[in-house]
Amino acid sequence: MEYETIKSEYVEYGQNKFLEVSKKKVMPDDTVFYNISKGYYTPEGDRRYQRSIGFPEEKKIVEDLIEKLQAILQD
């Protein structure tokens, strides 16, 4: 599958680890989806990805995800 990254933001944590939150477009059909990836930096500074989860560009899904994250942070 080929895709184009529209926008990415990174959350750095631990030693040389990161989370990437991104909006991507599948090529050539232009289907847009959101993706959260976990990865690390090599000694040379390159990003390497380990796992990811993708979900459709639907406002309700994003709102529910934010709500659930906020709920678990309050405990």
Protein backbone atom coordinates (compact mmCIF):
# COMPACT_ATOMS: atom_id res chain seq x y z
CA MET A 1 0.00 0.00 0.00
CA GLU A 2 1.32 3.41 -0.90
CA TYR A 3 0.29 6.50 0.98
CA GLU A 4 1.12 10.17 1.34
CA THR A 5 1.61 11.72 4.77
CA ILE A 6 -0.45 14.90 4.97
CA LYS A 7 0.66 15.96 8.46
CA SER A 8 2.61 14.40 11.34
CA GLU A 9 3.23 15.32 14.97
CA TYR A 10 5.65 13.54 17.32
CA VAL A 11 5.62 12.80 21.03
CA GLU A 12 9.10 12.02 22.34
CA TYR A 13 9.42 9.78 25.42
CA GLY A 14 11.97 7.62 27.20
CA GLN A 15 15.36 7.26 25.64
CA ASN A 16 15.18 7.56 21.84
CA LYS A 17 11.49 6.56 21.58
CA PHE A 18 8.59 8.37 19.94
CA LEU A 19 4.93 8.22 19.01
CA GLU A 20 3.90 9.62 15.64
CA VAL A 21 0.35 10.89 15.22
CA SER A 22 -0.39 11.48 11.56
CA LYS A 23 -2.99 12.07 8.88
CA LYS A 24 -2.37 10.09 5.71
CA LYS A 25 -3.88 9.53 2.30
CA VAL A 26 -3.94 6.15 0.53
CA MET A 27 -2.75 6.37 -3.05
CA PRO A 28 -4.23 6.39 -5.64
CA ASP A 29 -7.81 6.40 -4.29
CA ASP A 30 -7.28 9.38 -1.92
CA THR A 31 -8.90 7.71 1.12
CA VAL A 32 -7.77 9.66 4.20
CA PHE A 33 -7.09 8.00 7.57
CA TYR A 34 -5.41 8.75 10.90
CA ASN A 35 -2.49 6.74 12.17
CA ILE A 36 -0.65 6.39 15.49
CA SER A 37 2.77 4.73 15.27
CA LYS A 38 5.32 3.70 17.88
CA GLY A 39 9.00 3.78 17.07
CA TYR A 40 12.56 4.50 18.07
CA TYR A 41 15.62 6.34 16.79
CA THR A 42 18.66 4.46 15.52
CA PRO A 43 22.13 5.53 16.73
CA GLU A 44 22.39 7.46 13.43
CA GLY A 45 19.19 9.39 14.28
CA ASP A 46 16.91 7.67 11.74
CA ARG A 47 13.35 6.81 12.73
CA ARG A 48 12.35 3.15 12.85
CA TYR A 49 8.74 2.12 13.28
CA GLN A 50 7.62 -0.86 15.35
CA ARG A 51 3.82 -0.88 15.45
CA SER A 52 0.93 1.26 14.30
CA ILE A 53 -2.82 1.54 14.33
CA GLY A 54 -4.87 3.28 11.69
CA PHE A 55 -8.50 4.35 11.71
CA PRO A 56 -10.89 6.16 9.35
CA GLU A 57 -11.13 9.91 9.11
CA GLU A 58 -14.42 10.08 11.01
CA LYS A 59 -15.04 12.84 13.52
CA LYS A 60 -17.00 10.54 15.88
CA ILE A 61 -14.12 8.04 16.14
CA VAL A 62 -11.61 10.81 16.92
CA GLU A 63 -13.93 12.40 19.50
CA ASP A 64 -14.51 9.02 21.17
CA LEU A 65 -10.77 8.30 21.27
CA ILE A 66 -10.07 11.69 22.88
CA GLU A 67 -12.89 11.14 25.39
CA LYS A 68 -11.56 7.70 26.38
CA LEU A 69 -8.01 8.99 26.78
CA GLN A 70 -9.24 11.82 29.00
CA ALA A 71 -11.31 9.36 31.06
CA ILE A 72 -8.36 7.09 31.83
CA LEU A 73 -6.15 10.06 32.68
CA GLN A 74 -8.57 11.13 35.41
CA ASP A 75 -8.21 7.87 37.39
